[in-house]
Amino acid sequence: MACRIEVSGDARLPFIYSVSAHVGPGQANQPDDVELVQFLMAETLKRQTSSNLRIRSPVPQVTRAFDLMTGFWIYELENVLVSKLEGQLDGIVSPVRGHRLHFAEGKYWLIAALNLQIKLVAPTVFAGIPDNPQLSATLRASIRR
């Protein structure tokens, strides 16, 4: 079940919405976790102006089920982080551990990077995630806690 976690390390982002288990090929892929990842990726990609992306569409659909498109975009967005020396390329969205945005010095958790990107480019979308009617009732309830 996805959750809201207080984090440290960046004053712009005092908390994030995180997955509770890994999302990716062969992982738990719990529906709320997958939905959160799909939503954050879709919202990021709708507003993305980075030339680091090798492809820009189609944007992943929010289906709550891990699929090929979700896996592709996880890998592509990790590739962008790795190209800036800020991530790890494994095709898996991991839960944040230790209440930090980074798993190593300067290396962002992908879920944290997605939260930060939405917060910076669409602060009203970020603020409205717990009440967004496009998201399932179970996801909204789990991230309000």
N, C-alpha and C. Protein backbone atom coordinates (compact mmCIF):
# COMPACT_ATOMS: atom_id res chain seq x y z
N MET A 1 0.84 -1.16 0.00
CA MET A 1 0.00 0.00 0.00
C MET A 1 0.89 1.24 0.00
N ALA A 2 0.65 2.14 -0.93
CA ALA A 2 1.42 3.37 -1.02
C ALA A 2 1.24 4.19 0.26
N CYS A 3 2.15 5.13 0.50
CA CYS A 3 2.06 5.91 1.73
C CYS A 3 2.72 7.27 1.55
N ARG A 4 2.46 8.14 2.50
CA ARG A 4 3.12 9.44 2.58
C ARG A 4 4.23 9.31 3.61
N ILE A 5 5.42 9.77 3.25
CA ILE A 5 6.58 9.66 4.13
C ILE A 5 7.23 11.02 4.29
N GLU A 6 7.51 11.40 5.53
CA GLU A 6 8.28 12.61 5.80
C GLU A 6 9.72 12.31 5.42
N VAL A 7 10.36 13.25 4.70
CA VAL A 7 11.74 13.04 4.26
C VAL A 7 12.59 14.26 4.59
N SER A 8 13.89 14.04 4.58
CA SER A 8 14.83 15.13 4.80
C SER A 8 15.80 15.18 3.63
N GLY A 9 16.53 16.27 3.55
CA GLY A 9 17.55 16.37 2.52
C GLY A 9 17.26 17.40 1.46
N ASP A 10 16.02 17.92 1.39
CA ASP A 10 15.69 18.93 0.39
C ASP A 10 14.52 19.75 0.93
N ALA A 11 14.77 21.01 1.24
CA ALA A 11 13.75 21.87 1.84
C ALA A 11 12.52 22.04 0.95
N ARG A 12 12.68 21.83 -0.36
CA ARG A 12 11.54 21.97 -1.28
C ARG A 12 10.54 20.84 -1.14
N LEU A 13 10.95 19.74 -0.51
CA LEU A 13 10.12 18.55 -0.47
C LEU A 13 10.19 17.91 0.92
N PRO A 14 9.35 18.36 1.86
CA PRO A 14 9.39 17.81 3.22
C PRO A 14 8.76 16.42 3.34
N PHE A 15 7.97 16.02 2.34
CA PHE A 15 7.37 14.68 2.33
C PHE A 15 7.22 14.23 0.89
N ILE A 16 7.07 12.91 0.72
CA ILE A 16 6.79 12.36 -0.61
C ILE A 16 5.72 11.29 -0.49
N TYR A 17 5.18 10.93 -1.62
CA TYR A 17 4.29 9.79 -1.73
C TYR A 17 5.14 8.65 -2.26
N SER A 18 5.22 7.56 -1.48
CA SER A 18 6.11 6.47 -1.84
C SER A 18 5.36 5.16 -2.00
N VAL A 19 5.96 4.26 -2.73
CA VAL A 19 5.46 2.90 -2.82
C VAL A 19 5.85 2.15 -1.56
N SER A 20 5.10 1.12 -1.23
CA SER A 20 5.43 0.32 -0.05
C SER A 20 6.24 -0.92 -0.42
N ALA A 21 6.17 -1.31 -1.69
CA ALA A 21 6.92 -2.47 -2.18
C ALA A 21 7.42 -2.14 -3.59
N HIS A 22 8.37 -2.90 -4.05
CA HIS A 22 8.96 -2.66 -5.37
C HIS A 22 7.92 -2.77 -6.49
N VAL A 23 8.10 -1.91 -7.50
CA VAL A 23 7.28 -1.95 -8.71
C VAL A 23 8.23 -2.17 -9.88
N GLY A 24 7.97 -3.21 -10.66
CA GLY A 24 8.81 -3.52 -11.81
C GLY A 24 8.65 -4.98 -12.20
N PRO A 25 9.38 -5.42 -13.20
CA PRO A 25 9.28 -6.80 -13.66
C PRO A 25 9.59 -7.79 -12.54
N GLY A 26 8.70 -8.74 -12.31
CA GLY A 26 8.92 -9.78 -11.31
C GLY A 26 8.78 -9.31 -9.87
N GLN A 27 8.27 -8.10 -9.65
CA GLN A 27 8.15 -7.55 -8.30
C GLN A 27 6.72 -7.70 -7.79
N ALA A 28 6.47 -7.25 -6.56
CA ALA A 28 5.16 -7.38 -5.93
C ALA A 28 4.06 -6.67 -6.72
N ASN A 29 4.37 -5.49 -7.24
CA ASN A 29 3.43 -4.73 -8.07
C ASN A 29 2.04 -4.64 -7.47
N GLN A 30 1.99 -4.19 -6.22
CA GLN A 30 0.70 -3.99 -5.56
C GLN A 30 -0.07 -2.89 -6.29
N PRO A 31 -1.37 -3.05 -6.49
CA PRO A 31 -2.15 -2.10 -7.30
C PRO A 31 -2.00 -0.64 -6.89
N ASP A 32 -2.05 -0.32 -5.60
CA ASP A 32 -1.90 1.08 -5.18
C ASP A 32 -0.51 1.61 -5.52
N ASP A 33 0.51 0.78 -5.33
CA ASP A 33 1.88 1.19 -5.66
C ASP A 33 2.02 1.44 -7.16
N VAL A 34 1.51 0.52 -7.97
CA VAL A 34 1.60 0.67 -9.42
C VAL A 34 0.84 1.92 -9.86
N GLU A 35 -0.35 2.13 -9.30
CA GLU A 35 -1.14 3.31 -9.65
C GLU A 35 -0.38 4.60 -9.33
N LEU A 36 0.25 4.66 -8.17
CA LEU A 36 1.01 5.85 -7.80
C LEU A 36 2.14 6.09 -8.78
N VAL A 37 2.89 5.06 -9.11
CA VAL A 37 4.01 5.19 -10.05
C VAL A 37 3.49 5.64 -11.41
N GLN A 38 2.43 5.01 -11.90
CA GLN A 38 1.88 5.38 -13.21
C GLN A 38 1.40 6.84 -13.21
N PHE A 39 0.74 7.25 -12.15
CA PHE A 39 0.25 8.62 -12.06
C PHE A 39 1.40 9.62 -12.06
N LEU A 40 2.40 9.38 -11.21
CA LEU A 40 3.54 10.31 -11.12
C LEU A 40 4.30 10.37 -12.44
N MET A 41 4.49 9.22 -13.08
CA MET A 41 5.19 9.23 -14.37
C MET A 41 4.37 9.97 -15.42
N ALA A 42 3.07 9.71 -15.50
CA ALA A 42 2.21 10.37 -16.50
C ALA A 42 2.21 11.88 -16.30
N GLU A 43 2.07 12.32 -15.05
CA GLU A 43 2.06 13.76 -14.77
C GLU A 43 3.41 14.39 -15.07
N THR A 44 4.49 13.69 -14.79
CA THR A 44 5.82 14.19 -15.10
C THR A 44 6.00 14.30 -16.61
N LEU A 45 5.63 13.26 -17.32
CA LEU A 45 5.84 13.24 -18.77
C LEU A 45 4.98 14.26 -19.51
N LYS A 46 3.79 14.55 -19.00
CA LYS A 46 2.93 15.57 -19.62
C LYS A 46 3.60 16.94 -19.61
N ARG A 47 4.47 17.15 -18.63
CA ARG A 47 5.09 18.46 -18.45
C ARG A 47 6.58 18.47 -18.78
N GLN A 48 7.09 17.36 -19.26
CA GLN A 48 8.53 17.18 -19.46
C GLN A 48 9.04 17.97 -20.65
N THR A 49 10.09 18.73 -20.43
CA THR A 49 10.74 19.47 -21.50
C THR A 49 12.19 19.03 -21.68
N SER A 50 12.60 18.05 -20.91
CA SER A 50 13.99 17.59 -20.94
C SER A 50 14.35 17.00 -22.30
N SER A 51 15.50 17.36 -22.78
CA SER A 51 16.00 16.76 -24.02
C SER A 51 16.67 15.42 -23.75
N ASN A 52 16.75 15.03 -22.48
CA ASN A 52 17.37 13.76 -22.12
C ASN A 52 16.50 12.55 -22.47
N LEU A 53 15.19 12.76 -22.67
CA LEU A 53 14.32 11.65 -23.02
C LEU A 53 14.54 11.23 -24.46
N ARG A 54 14.60 9.92 -24.68
CA ARG A 54 14.78 9.41 -26.03
C ARG A 54 13.44 9.30 -26.77
N ILE A 55 12.35 9.30 -26.01
CA ILE A 55 11.01 9.21 -26.58
C ILE A 55 10.08 9.99 -25.65
N ARG A 56 8.99 10.50 -26.16
CA ARG A 56 8.09 11.32 -25.35
C ARG A 56 6.68 10.77 -25.23
N SER A 57 6.34 9.79 -26.02
CA SER A 57 4.98 9.26 -25.96
C SER A 57 4.98 7.82 -26.45
N PRO A 58 3.95 7.07 -26.13
CA PRO A 58 2.76 7.47 -25.38
C PRO A 58 3.03 7.50 -23.88
N VAL A 59 2.33 8.40 -23.23
CA VAL A 59 2.41 8.53 -21.77
C VAL A 59 1.73 7.31 -21.16
N PRO A 60 2.26 6.76 -20.07
CA PRO A 60 1.62 5.57 -19.47
C PRO A 60 0.21 5.87 -18.97
N GLN A 61 -0.66 4.90 -19.14
CA GLN A 61 -2.01 5.00 -18.62
C GLN A 61 -2.02 4.58 -17.15
N VAL A 62 -2.91 5.14 -16.38
CA VAL A 62 -3.05 4.77 -14.96
C VAL A 62 -4.08 3.65 -14.89
N THR A 63 -3.57 2.42 -14.78
CA THR A 63 -4.44 1.23 -14.82
C THR A 63 -4.40 0.41 -13.53
N ARG A 64 -3.44 0.70 -12.65
CA ARG A 64 -3.23 -0.06 -11.42
C ARG A 64 -2.58 -1.42 -11.67
N ALA A 65 -2.27 -1.75 -12.92
CA ALA A 65 -1.65 -3.03 -13.25
C ALA A 65 -0.31 -2.78 -13.93
N PHE A 66 0.73 -3.48 -13.48
CA PHE A 66 2.04 -3.33 -14.11
C PHE A 66 1.94 -3.91 -15.52
N ASP A 67 2.43 -3.13 -16.49
CA ASP A 67 2.40 -3.58 -17.88
C ASP A 67 3.68 -3.15 -18.58
N LEU A 68 3.78 -3.49 -19.85
CA LEU A 68 4.98 -3.19 -20.62
C LEU A 68 5.27 -1.69 -20.67
N MET A 69 4.24 -0.87 -20.85
CA MET A 69 4.44 0.58 -20.94
C MET A 69 4.97 1.13 -19.61
N THR A 70 4.44 0.65 -18.51
CA THR A 70 4.93 1.09 -17.19
C THR A 70 6.40 0.71 -17.04
N GLY A 71 6.73 -0.51 -17.39
CA GLY A 71 8.12 -0.96 -17.30
C GLY A 71 9.05 -0.15 -18.18
N PHE A 72 8.60 0.16 -19.39
CA PHE A 72 9.42 0.97 -20.30
C PHE A 72 9.72 2.32 -19.69
N TRP A 73 8.68 3.00 -19.18
CA TRP A 73 8.88 4.35 -18.66
C TRP A 73 9.71 4.37 -17.37
N ILE A 74 9.58 3.33 -16.55
CA ILE A 74 10.45 3.25 -15.38
C ILE A 74 11.91 3.22 -15.84
N TYR A 75 12.19 2.36 -16.79
CA TYR A 75 13.55 2.24 -17.31
C TYR A 75 14.02 3.54 -17.95
N GLU A 76 13.17 4.17 -18.77
CA GLU A 76 13.56 5.41 -19.45
C GLU A 76 13.83 6.54 -18.46
N LEU A 77 12.98 6.69 -17.46
CA LEU A 77 13.18 7.76 -16.49
C LEU A 77 14.39 7.48 -15.60
N GLU A 78 14.64 6.22 -15.29
CA GLU A 78 15.89 5.89 -14.56
C GLU A 78 17.09 6.23 -15.43
N ASN A 79 16.99 5.98 -16.72
CA ASN A 79 18.09 6.28 -17.63
C ASN A 79 18.41 7.77 -17.60
N VAL A 80 17.39 8.62 -17.52
CA VAL A 80 17.61 10.07 -17.42
C VAL A 80 18.37 10.40 -16.14
N LEU A 81 17.95 9.79 -15.02
CA LEU A 81 18.66 10.03 -13.75
C LEU A 81 20.11 9.57 -13.83
N VAL A 82 20.33 8.39 -14.40
CA VAL A 82 21.68 7.84 -14.52
C VAL A 82 22.53 8.73 -15.42
N SER A 83 21.94 9.27 -16.47
CA SER A 83 22.71 10.14 -17.37
C SER A 83 23.19 11.39 -16.66
N LYS A 84 22.49 11.79 -15.61
CA LYS A 84 22.90 12.94 -14.80
C LYS A 84 23.67 12.49 -13.56
N LEU A 85 24.00 11.19 -13.52
CA LEU A 85 24.72 10.58 -12.40
C LEU A 85 23.93 10.69 -11.10
N GLU A 86 22.58 10.63 -11.19
CA GLU A 86 21.74 10.80 -10.02
C GLU A 86 20.84 9.61 -9.74
N GLY A 87 21.12 8.45 -10.28
CA GLY A 87 20.22 7.32 -10.05
C GLY A 87 20.88 5.98 -10.34
N GLN A 88 20.05 4.96 -10.34
CA GLN A 88 20.49 3.59 -10.60
C GLN A 88 19.57 3.00 -11.65
N LEU A 89 20.13 2.29 -12.61
CA LEU A 89 19.36 1.72 -13.71
C LEU A 89 19.10 0.24 -13.44
N ASP A 90 17.90 -0.06 -12.90
CA ASP A 90 17.55 -1.46 -12.67
C ASP A 90 16.12 -1.79 -13.10
N GLY A 91 15.38 -0.79 -13.58
CA GLY A 91 14.02 -1.02 -14.05
C GLY A 91 12.99 -1.22 -12.95
N ILE A 92 13.36 -0.87 -11.73
CA ILE A 92 12.49 -1.11 -10.58
C ILE A 92 12.35 0.18 -9.76
N VAL A 93 11.11 0.49 -9.39
CA VAL A 93 10.86 1.60 -8.47
C VAL A 93 10.88 1.02 -7.07
N SER A 94 11.80 1.48 -6.26
CA SER A 94 11.96 0.97 -4.90
C SER A 94 11.31 1.91 -3.89
N PRO A 95 10.85 1.35 -2.77
CA PRO A 95 10.34 2.22 -1.69
C PRO A 95 11.49 3.04 -1.09
N VAL A 96 11.16 4.23 -0.66
CA VAL A 96 12.15 5.06 0.02
C VAL A 96 12.47 4.41 1.37
N ARG A 97 13.73 4.38 1.70
CA ARG A 97 14.15 3.85 3.00
C ARG A 97 14.94 4.93 3.72
N GLY A 98 14.76 5.01 5.02
CA GLY A 98 15.54 5.94 5.81
C GLY A 98 15.08 7.39 5.76
N HIS A 99 13.91 7.63 5.21
CA HIS A 99 13.34 8.98 5.17
C HIS A 99 14.26 9.99 4.47
N ARG A 100 14.96 9.51 3.46
CA ARG A 100 15.83 10.39 2.69
C ARG A 100 15.47 10.28 1.22
N LEU A 101 15.67 11.36 0.47
CA LEU A 101 15.39 11.36 -0.96
C LEU A 101 16.43 10.58 -1.75
N HIS A 102 17.58 10.31 -1.12
CA HIS A 102 18.69 9.65 -1.80
C HIS A 102 18.99 8.31 -1.14
N PHE A 103 19.36 7.31 -1.94
CA PHE A 103 19.78 6.03 -1.37
C PHE A 103 21.29 6.00 -1.18
N ALA A 104 22.00 6.90 -1.84
CA ALA A 104 23.43 7.11 -1.66
C ALA A 104 23.67 8.59 -1.98
N GLU A 105 24.81 9.09 -1.64
CA GLU A 105 25.09 10.51 -1.86
C GLU A 105 24.83 10.91 -3.31
N GLY A 106 23.84 11.80 -3.51
CA GLY A 106 23.53 12.30 -4.83
C GLY A 106 22.73 11.35 -5.72
N LYS A 107 22.34 10.19 -5.21
CA LYS A 107 21.60 9.20 -6.00
C LYS A 107 20.15 9.14 -5.51
N TYR A 108 19.25 9.69 -6.32
CA TYR A 108 17.83 9.75 -5.95
C TYR A 108 17.13 8.40 -6.09
N TRP A 109 16.22 8.12 -5.15
CA TRP A 109 15.24 7.07 -5.38
C TRP A 109 14.39 7.57 -6.54
N LEU A 110 14.01 6.72 -7.49
CA LEU A 110 13.19 7.19 -8.61
C LEU A 110 11.87 7.76 -8.12
N ILE A 111 11.26 7.14 -7.13
CA ILE A 111 9.97 7.64 -6.61
C ILE A 111 10.15 9.04 -6.02
N ALA A 112 11.28 9.31 -5.40
CA ALA A 112 11.55 10.64 -4.84
C ALA A 112 11.77 11.65 -5.96
N ALA A 113 12.49 11.26 -7.00
CA ALA A 113 12.73 12.16 -8.14
C ALA A 113 11.41 12.51 -8.83
N LEU A 114 10.50 11.55 -8.96
CA LEU A 114 9.20 11.83 -9.57
C LEU A 114 8.39 12.81 -8.72
N ASN A 115 8.39 12.60 -7.41
CA ASN A 115 7.70 13.53 -6.50
C ASN A 115 8.27 14.93 -6.63
N LEU A 116 9.59 15.04 -6.62
CA LEU A 116 10.24 16.35 -6.70
C LEU A 116 9.91 17.04 -8.02
N GLN A 117 9.93 16.29 -9.10
CA GLN A 117 9.64 16.88 -10.40
C GLN A 117 8.22 17.44 -10.45
N ILE A 118 7.24 16.68 -9.96
CA ILE A 118 5.85 17.15 -9.94
C ILE A 118 5.72 18.38 -9.03
N LYS A 119 6.36 18.32 -7.87
CA LYS A 119 6.29 19.45 -6.93
C LYS A 119 6.84 20.73 -7.57
N LEU A 120 7.91 20.61 -8.36
CA LEU A 120 8.54 21.79 -8.97
C LEU A 120 7.76 22.32 -10.17
N VAL A 121 7.27 21.42 -11.03
CA VAL A 121 6.64 21.89 -12.27
C VAL A 121 5.12 22.02 -12.17
N ALA A 122 4.51 21.35 -11.19
CA ALA A 122 3.05 21.41 -11.05
C ALA A 122 2.67 21.32 -9.57
N PRO A 123 3.01 22.36 -8.79
CA PRO A 123 2.78 22.29 -7.35
C PRO A 123 1.32 22.07 -6.96
N THR A 124 0.38 22.56 -7.75
CA THR A 124 -1.03 22.33 -7.40
C THR A 124 -1.42 20.88 -7.63
N VAL A 125 -0.86 20.25 -8.65
CA VAL A 125 -1.11 18.81 -8.87
C VAL A 125 -0.55 18.02 -7.70
N PHE A 126 0.69 18.35 -7.30
CA PHE A 126 1.31 17.65 -6.17
C PHE A 126 0.48 17.80 -4.90
N ALA A 127 0.07 19.01 -4.61
CA ALA A 127 -0.71 19.27 -3.39
C ALA A 127 -2.05 18.55 -3.42
N GLY A 128 -2.60 18.34 -4.61
CA GLY A 128 -3.92 17.74 -4.72
C GLY A 128 -3.95 16.22 -4.88
N ILE A 129 -2.79 15.58 -4.84
CA ILE A 129 -2.76 14.13 -5.05
C ILE A 129 -3.68 13.38 -4.08
N PRO A 130 -3.69 13.67 -2.78
CA PRO A 130 -4.54 12.88 -1.87
C PRO A 130 -6.04 13.03 -2.14
N ASP A 131 -6.43 14.07 -2.86
CA ASP A 131 -7.84 14.31 -3.13
C ASP A 131 -8.19 14.18 -4.61
N ASN A 132 -7.26 13.72 -5.42
CA ASN A 132 -7.47 13.65 -6.86
C ASN A 132 -8.50 12.56 -7.19
N PRO A 133 -9.66 12.95 -7.75
CA PRO A 133 -10.71 11.96 -8.04
C PRO A 133 -10.35 10.97 -9.13
N GLN A 134 -9.27 11.24 -9.88
CA GLN A 134 -8.83 10.29 -10.90
C GLN A 134 -8.12 9.08 -10.29
N LEU A 135 -7.72 9.21 -9.04
CA LEU A 135 -7.03 8.12 -8.35
C LEU A 135 -8.03 7.28 -7.58
N SER A 136 -7.71 6.03 -7.38
CA SER A 136 -8.62 5.12 -6.68
C SER A 136 -8.80 5.56 -5.22
N ALA A 137 -9.93 5.19 -4.67
CA ALA A 137 -10.23 5.51 -3.26
C ALA A 137 -9.21 4.87 -2.34
N THR A 138 -8.74 3.67 -2.67
CA THR A 138 -7.78 3.01 -1.79
C THR A 138 -6.43 3.73 -1.79
N LEU A 139 -6.00 4.20 -2.96
CA LEU A 139 -4.74 4.94 -3.01
C LEU A 139 -4.87 6.25 -2.25
N ARG A 140 -5.94 6.98 -2.49
CA ARG A 140 -6.12 8.26 -1.79
C ARG A 140 -6.13 8.07 -0.28
N ALA A 141 -6.80 7.03 0.18
CA ALA A 141 -6.87 6.76 1.63
C ALA A 141 -5.48 6.40 2.17
N SER A 142 -4.74 5.61 1.43
CA SER A 142 -3.43 5.16 1.96
C SER A 142 -2.41 6.29 2.04
N ILE A 143 -2.50 7.29 1.17
CA ILE A 143 -1.50 8.37 1.21
C ILE A 143 -1.95 9.53 2.09
N ARG A 144 -3.15 9.48 2.64
CA ARG A 144 -3.58 10.51 3.57
C ARG A 144 -3.12 10.22 4.98
N ARG A 145 -2.71 9.01 5.26
CA ARG A 145 -2.33 8.60 6.62
C ARG A 145 -1.05 9.23 7.06
